[in-house]
Amino acid sequence: MILIEWDDVQGAHSYNTYRSPTGLDGTFVLIANLTGTNYNDGSGTITDFYRVISVDKDGIEGTIGAPFQASDTTNKSLCLLSGTICDVTGHPDEDVDIRVRVLPEDSGQVIGSTGTKASITEDEIEVNTNALGQFDIYLIIGATVELSIRRTGYMVVFVVPKQAVLLLEDVEGFGTRKNIANPF
């Protein structure tokens, strides 16, 4: 789910919300007409572009603003945390639950992604490893997060660094482990 928010426009009766996979003119599709100033897009992805246009009481759209990408809606920079979880034999472990929680609770957002779908929550999210034992989670730079892998009992708290990509083995607390073995 992608949450987008915008400032109220004086004289607006409602807002037309559009989404595009490319952000190019002619590719935006109307997805909602709203009276509020936020929208939870259950079909959106972190790579989609949005455009919100005010509508007056006569149904006429106002000025068309510049499109913005879903990853920009938080006005914060993101870091992609990637990792691989293996079983005790060293083979990739499929469908392992990975939980990420922002500390203190309700202090920020975690943006999680499995494939091309993204979801946003204010305090925690769970993702599963794929068939290759891999997972990706988008985190807001500077957030303090607790990452835990349920089946293994591993847990670490760290501050998301100012970099575009962070590998699980580079998270302080997981040390030099390239793969986290599942003891079950």
C-alpha atoms as a PDB file:
ATOM      1  CA  MET A   1       0.000   0.000   0.000  1.00  0.00           C
ATOM      2  CA  ILE A   2       1.265   3.469  -0.882  1.00  0.00           C
ATOM      3  CA  LEU A   3       0.137   6.416   1.236  1.00  0.00           C
ATOM      4  CA  ILE A   4       0.168   9.776  -0.523  1.00  0.00           C
ATOM      5  CA  GLU A   5      -0.651  13.086   1.162  1.00  0.00           C
ATOM      6  CA  TRP A   6      -0.960  16.646  -0.094  1.00  0.00           C
ATOM      7  CA  ASP A   7      -1.778  20.128   1.160  1.00  0.00           C
ATOM      8  CA  ASP A   8      -5.349  21.406   1.049  1.00  0.00           C
ATOM      9  CA  VAL A   9      -6.038  23.759  -1.871  1.00  0.00           C
ATOM     10  CA  GLN A  10      -8.278  26.750  -1.144  1.00  0.00           C
ATOM     11  CA  GLY A  11     -11.549  26.466  -3.090  1.00  0.00           C
ATOM     12  CA  ALA A  12     -11.096  22.761  -3.870  1.00  0.00           C
ATOM     13  CA  HIS A  13     -14.269  20.706  -3.661  1.00  0.00           C
ATOM     14  CA  SER A  14     -12.383  17.427  -4.221  1.00  0.00           C
ATOM     15  CA  TYR A  15      -9.128  16.025  -5.624  1.00  0.00           C
ATOM     16  CA  ASN A  16      -8.526  13.747  -8.602  1.00  0.00           C
ATOM     17  CA  THR A  17      -5.692  11.322  -7.910  1.00  0.00           C
ATOM     18  CA  TYR A  18      -3.864   9.803 -10.872  1.00  0.00           C
ATOM     19  CA  ARG A  19      -1.221   7.041 -11.105  1.00  0.00           C
ATOM     20  CA  SER A  20       1.281   6.175 -13.846  1.00  0.00           C
ATOM     21  CA  PRO A  21       4.003   3.530 -14.129  1.00  0.00           C
ATOM     22  CA  THR A  22       6.279   5.945 -16.028  1.00  0.00           C
ATOM     23  CA  GLY A  23       5.341   9.497 -14.978  1.00  0.00           C
ATOM     24  CA  LEU A  24       5.048  10.575 -18.622  1.00  0.00           C
ATOM     25  CA  ASP A  25       2.173  12.757 -19.801  1.00  0.00           C
ATOM     26  CA  GLY A  26      -0.602  10.650 -21.329  1.00  0.00           C
ATOM     27  CA  THR A  27       0.121   7.645 -19.078  1.00  0.00           C
ATOM     28  CA  PHE A  28      -1.726   8.794 -15.938  1.00  0.00           C
ATOM     29  CA  VAL A  29      -4.960   6.979 -15.044  1.00  0.00           C
ATOM     30  CA  LEU A  30      -7.560   8.383 -12.638  1.00  0.00           C
ATOM     31  CA  ILE A  31      -7.626   6.105  -9.582  1.00  0.00           C
ATOM     32  CA  ALA A  32      -9.717   8.135  -7.123  1.00  0.00           C
ATOM     33  CA  ASN A  33     -11.737  11.296  -6.562  1.00  0.00           C
ATOM     34  CA  LEU A  34     -11.421  12.297  -2.915  1.00  0.00           C
ATOM     35  CA  THR A  35     -12.575  15.045  -0.588  1.00  0.00           C
ATOM     36  CA  GLY A  36      -9.683  14.529   1.858  1.00  0.00           C
ATOM     37  CA  THR A  37      -5.970  15.251   1.494  1.00  0.00           C
ATOM     38  CA  ASN A  38      -4.565  11.718   1.571  1.00  0.00           C
ATOM     39  CA  TYR A  39      -5.040   8.411  -0.208  1.00  0.00           C
ATOM     40  CA  ASN A  40      -3.982   4.817   0.510  1.00  0.00           C
ATOM     41  CA  ASP A  41      -3.337   3.156  -2.839  1.00  0.00           C
ATOM     42  CA  GLY A  42      -3.593  -0.609  -2.325  1.00  0.00           C
ATOM     43  CA  SER A  43      -2.498  -1.297  -5.908  1.00  0.00           C
ATOM     44  CA  GLY A  44       0.434   1.111  -6.034  1.00  0.00           C
ATOM     45  CA  THR A  45       4.108   0.227  -6.092  1.00  0.00           C
ATOM     46  CA  ILE A  46       7.149   2.095  -4.840  1.00  0.00           C
ATOM     47  CA  THR A  47       8.116   2.900  -8.454  1.00  0.00           C
ATOM     48  CA  ASP A  48       4.741   4.395  -9.505  1.00  0.00           C
ATOM     49  CA  PHE A  49       4.226   8.097 -10.164  1.00  0.00           C
ATOM     50  CA  TYR A  50       1.266  10.114  -8.891  1.00  0.00           C
ATOM     51  CA  ARG A  51      -0.413  13.394  -9.735  1.00  0.00           C
ATOM     52  CA  VAL A  52      -3.083  15.061  -7.585  1.00  0.00           C
ATOM     53  CA  ILE A  53      -5.259  17.776  -9.138  1.00  0.00           C
ATOM     54  CA  SER A  54      -7.805  19.918  -7.272  1.00  0.00           C
ATOM     55  CA  VAL A  55     -11.377  19.964  -8.574  1.00  0.00           C
ATOM     56  CA  ASP A  56     -13.740  22.924  -7.987  1.00  0.00           C
ATOM     57  CA  LYS A  57     -17.471  22.707  -7.147  1.00  0.00           C
ATOM     58  CA  ASP A  58     -18.315  22.709 -10.880  1.00  0.00           C
ATOM     59  CA  GLY A  59     -16.108  19.649 -11.508  1.00  0.00           C
ATOM     60  CA  ILE A  60     -13.349  21.564 -13.295  1.00  0.00           C
ATOM     61  CA  GLU A  61      -9.774  20.518 -12.584  1.00  0.00           C
ATOM     62  CA  GLY A  62      -7.253  23.093 -11.433  1.00  0.00           C
ATOM     63  CA  THR A  63      -3.631  23.481 -12.471  1.00  0.00           C
ATOM     64  CA  ILE A  64      -1.838  20.238 -13.267  1.00  0.00           C
ATOM     65  CA  GLY A  65       1.153  19.871 -10.980  1.00  0.00           C
ATOM     66  CA  ALA A  66       4.361  17.991 -11.534  1.00  0.00           C
ATOM     67  CA  PRO A  67       4.179  14.225 -11.030  1.00  0.00           C
ATOM     68  CA  PHE A  68       5.923  12.705  -8.030  1.00  0.00           C
ATOM     69  CA  GLN A  69       7.189   9.188  -7.454  1.00  0.00           C
ATOM     70  CA  ALA A  70       5.782   7.023  -4.654  1.00  0.00           C
ATOM     71  CA  SER A  71       9.222   6.756  -3.063  1.00  0.00           C
ATOM     72  CA  ASP A  72       9.212  10.571  -2.751  1.00  0.00           C
ATOM     73  CA  THR A  73       5.924  10.748  -0.834  1.00  0.00           C
ATOM     74  CA  THR A  74       7.636  10.545   2.545  1.00  0.00           C
ATOM     75  CA  ASN A  75      10.055  13.352   1.623  1.00  0.00           C
ATOM     76  CA  LYS A  76      12.762  11.136   3.066  1.00  0.00           C
ATOM     77  CA  SER A  77      15.530   9.107   1.474  1.00  0.00           C
ATOM     78  CA  LEU A  78      15.280   5.340   1.318  1.00  0.00           C
ATOM     79  CA  CYS A  79      17.803   2.571   1.846  1.00  0.00           C
ATOM     80  CA  LEU A  80      17.204  -0.897   0.386  1.00  0.00           C
ATOM     81  CA  LEU A  81      18.119  -3.658   2.873  1.00  0.00           C
ATOM     82  CA  SER A  82      18.779  -6.936   1.039  1.00  0.00           C
ATOM     83  CA  GLY A  83      19.602 -10.305   2.530  1.00  0.00           C
ATOM     84  CA  THR A  84      19.668 -14.068   2.083  1.00  0.00           C
ATOM     85  CA  ILE A  85      18.518 -16.575   4.700  1.00  0.00           C
ATOM     86  CA  CYS A  86      19.844 -20.163   4.496  1.00  0.00           C
ATOM     87  CA  ASP A  87      18.888 -23.353   6.294  1.00  0.00           C
ATOM     88  CA  VAL A  88      21.350 -25.420   8.391  1.00  0.00           C
ATOM     89  CA  THR A  89      22.666 -27.101   5.252  1.00  0.00           C
ATOM     90  CA  GLY A  90      23.530 -23.731   3.700  1.00  0.00           C
ATOM     91  CA  HIS A  91      20.732 -23.880   1.123  1.00  0.00           C
ATOM     92  CA  PRO A  92      18.409 -20.890   0.596  1.00  0.00           C
ATOM     93  CA  ASP A  93      15.457 -20.998   2.998  1.00  0.00           C
ATOM     94  CA  GLU A  94      12.148 -20.135   1.345  1.00  0.00           C
ATOM     95  CA  ASP A  95       9.235 -18.375   3.070  1.00  0.00           C
ATOM     96  CA  VAL A  96      11.071 -17.210   6.215  1.00  0.00           C
ATOM     97  CA  ASP A  97       9.303 -14.408   8.108  1.00  0.00           C
ATOM     98  CA  ILE A  98      11.401 -11.276   8.598  1.00  0.00           C
ATOM     99  CA  ARG A  99       9.983  -8.583  10.872  1.00  0.00           C
ATOM    100  CA  VAL A 100      11.144  -4.971  10.919  1.00  0.00           C
ATOM    101  CA  ARG A 101       9.912  -2.595  13.606  1.00  0.00           C
ATOM    102  CA  VAL A 102      10.657   1.119  13.958  1.00  0.00           C
ATOM    103  CA  LEU A 103      11.827   2.196  17.422  1.00  0.00           C
ATOM    104  CA  PRO A 104      10.316   3.883  19.274  1.00  0.00           C
ATOM    105  CA  GLU A 105       6.961   2.772  17.890  1.00  0.00           C
ATOM    106  CA  ASP A 106       5.104   5.280  15.712  1.00  0.00           C
ATOM    107  CA  SER A 107       8.271   7.320  15.194  1.00  0.00           C
ATOM    108  CA  GLY A 108       8.573   6.778  11.469  1.00  0.00           C
ATOM    109  CA  GLN A 109       7.661   4.592   8.545  1.00  0.00           C
ATOM    110  CA  VAL A 110       8.968   1.318   7.198  1.00  0.00           C
ATOM    111  CA  ILE A 111       8.441   0.674   3.531  1.00  0.00           C
ATOM    112  CA  GLY A 112       8.540  -3.004   2.639  1.00  0.00           C
ATOM    113  CA  SER A 113       8.652  -4.587  -0.766  1.00  0.00           C
ATOM    114  CA  THR A 114       8.228  -8.099  -2.062  1.00  0.00           C
ATOM    115  CA  GLY A 115       8.551  -8.178  -5.810  1.00  0.00           C
ATOM    116  CA  THR A 116       7.031  -4.961  -7.105  1.00  0.00           C
ATOM    117  CA  LYS A 117       4.389  -4.518  -4.401  1.00  0.00           C
ATOM    118  CA  ALA A 118       5.146  -2.102  -1.598  1.00  0.00           C
ATOM    119  CA  SER A 119       3.448  -1.432   1.673  1.00  0.00           C
ATOM    120  CA  ILE A 120       3.799   1.295   4.246  1.00  0.00           C
ATOM    121  CA  THR A 121       3.165   1.074   7.938  1.00  0.00           C
ATOM    122  CA  GLU A 122       3.924   3.401  10.809  1.00  0.00           C
ATOM    123  CA  ASP A 123       5.611   0.912  13.095  1.00  0.00           C
ATOM    124  CA  GLU A 124       6.297  -2.578  11.692  1.00  0.00           C
ATOM    125  CA  ILE A 125       6.139  -4.815   8.655  1.00  0.00           C
ATOM    126  CA  GLU A 126       6.807  -8.463   7.847  1.00  0.00           C
ATOM    127  CA  VAL A 127       8.137  -9.832   4.586  1.00  0.00           C
ATOM    128  CA  ASN A 128       8.988 -13.382   3.534  1.00  0.00           C
ATOM    129  CA  THR A 129      12.022 -14.697   1.718  1.00  0.00           C
ATOM    130  CA  ASN A 130      11.529 -15.819  -1.870  1.00  0.00           C
ATOM    131  CA  ALA A 131      12.445 -19.208  -3.398  1.00  0.00           C
ATOM    132  CA  LEU A 132      16.128 -18.184  -3.329  1.00  0.00           C
ATOM    133  CA  GLY A 133      15.986 -17.266   0.377  1.00  0.00           C
ATOM    134  CA  GLN A 134      16.267 -13.556  -0.465  1.00  0.00           C
ATOM    135  CA  PHE A 135      14.356 -10.550   0.805  1.00  0.00           C
ATOM    136  CA  ASP A 136      14.311  -6.794   0.209  1.00  0.00           C
ATOM    137  CA  ILE A 137      12.977  -4.157   2.580  1.00  0.00           C
ATOM    138  CA  TYR A 138      13.019  -0.403   1.937  1.00  0.00           C
ATOM    139  CA  LEU A 139      13.826   1.591   5.074  1.00  0.00           C
ATOM    140  CA  ILE A 140      13.918   5.310   5.737  1.00  0.00           C
ATOM    141  CA  ILE A 141      17.469   6.557   6.285  1.00  0.00           C
ATOM    142  CA  GLY A 142      18.119   7.578   9.864  1.00  0.00           C
ATOM    143  CA  ALA A 143      15.319   5.437  11.360  1.00  0.00           C
ATOM    144  CA  THR A 144      16.199   3.166  14.283  1.00  0.00           C
ATOM    145  CA  VAL A 145      14.838  -0.286  13.477  1.00  0.00           C
ATOM    146  CA  GLU A 146      14.676  -3.714  15.068  1.00  0.00           C
ATOM    147  CA  LEU A 147      15.100  -6.536  12.561  1.00  0.00           C
ATOM    148  CA  SER A 148      14.212 -10.067  13.655  1.00  0.00           C
ATOM    149  CA  ILE A 149      14.047 -13.417  11.912  1.00  0.00           C
ATOM    150  CA  ARG A 150      11.391 -15.416  13.724  1.00  0.00           C
ATOM    151  CA  ARG A 151      12.476 -19.004  13.075  1.00  0.00           C
ATOM    152  CA  THR A 152      16.087 -18.352  13.988  1.00  0.00           C
ATOM    153  CA  GLY A 153      15.576 -16.081  16.966  1.00  0.00           C
ATOM    154  CA  TYR A 154      18.106 -13.585  15.553  1.00  0.00           C
ATOM    155  CA  MET A 155      17.358  -9.954  16.331  1.00  0.00           C
ATOM    156  CA  VAL A 156      19.332  -6.750  15.930  1.00  0.00           C
ATOM    157  CA  VAL A 157      18.625  -3.045  16.444  1.00  0.00           C
ATOM    158  CA  PHE A 158      20.387  -0.573  14.164  1.00  0.00           C
ATOM    159  CA  VAL A 159      20.137   2.889  12.635  1.00  0.00           C
ATOM    160  CA  VAL A 160      19.543   2.828   8.881  1.00  0.00           C
ATOM    161  CA  PRO A 161      22.696   4.285   7.290  1.00  0.00           C
ATOM    162  CA  LYS A 162      22.852   7.001   4.640  1.00  0.00           C
ATOM    163  CA  GLN A 163      23.358   4.739   1.653  1.00  0.00           C
ATOM    164  CA  ALA A 164      21.222   3.467  -1.199  1.00  0.00           C
ATOM    165  CA  VAL A 165      21.716  -0.276  -0.547  1.00  0.00           C
ATOM    166  CA  LEU A 166      22.607  -2.139   2.658  1.00  0.00           C
ATOM    167  CA  LEU A 167      23.366  -5.862   2.672  1.00  0.00           C
ATOM    168  CA  LEU A 168      22.229  -7.925   5.637  1.00  0.00           C
ATOM    169  CA  GLU A 169      25.790  -9.067   6.328  1.00  0.00           C
ATOM    170  CA  ASP A 170      26.815  -5.417   6.756  1.00  0.00           C
ATOM    171  CA  VAL A 171      24.236  -4.716   9.477  1.00  0.00           C
ATOM    172  CA  GLU A 172      26.114  -4.202  12.720  1.00  0.00           C
ATOM    173  CA  GLY A 173      25.146  -7.046  15.034  1.00  0.00           C
ATOM    174  CA  PHE A 174      24.877  -9.646  12.292  1.00  0.00           C
ATOM    175  CA  GLY A 175      28.644  -9.367  11.969  1.00  0.00           C
ATOM    176  CA  THR A 176      30.284 -11.029   9.011  1.00  0.00           C
ATOM    177  CA  ARG A 177      27.597 -13.673   8.529  1.00  0.00           C
ATOM    178  CA  LYS A 178      26.638 -13.733   4.873  1.00  0.00           C
ATOM    179  CA  ASN A 179      23.725 -16.040   5.534  1.00  0.00           C
ATOM    180  CA  ILE A 180      21.702 -16.515   8.688  1.00  0.00           C
ATOM    181  CA  ALA A 181      21.268 -20.256   9.277  1.00  0.00           C
ATOM    182  CA  ASN A 182      17.811 -21.464  10.253  1.00  0.00           C
ATOM    183  CA  PRO A 183      18.217 -24.027  13.097  1.00  0.00           C
ATOM    184  CA  PHE A 184      14.853 -25.719  12.421  1.00  0.00           C
END
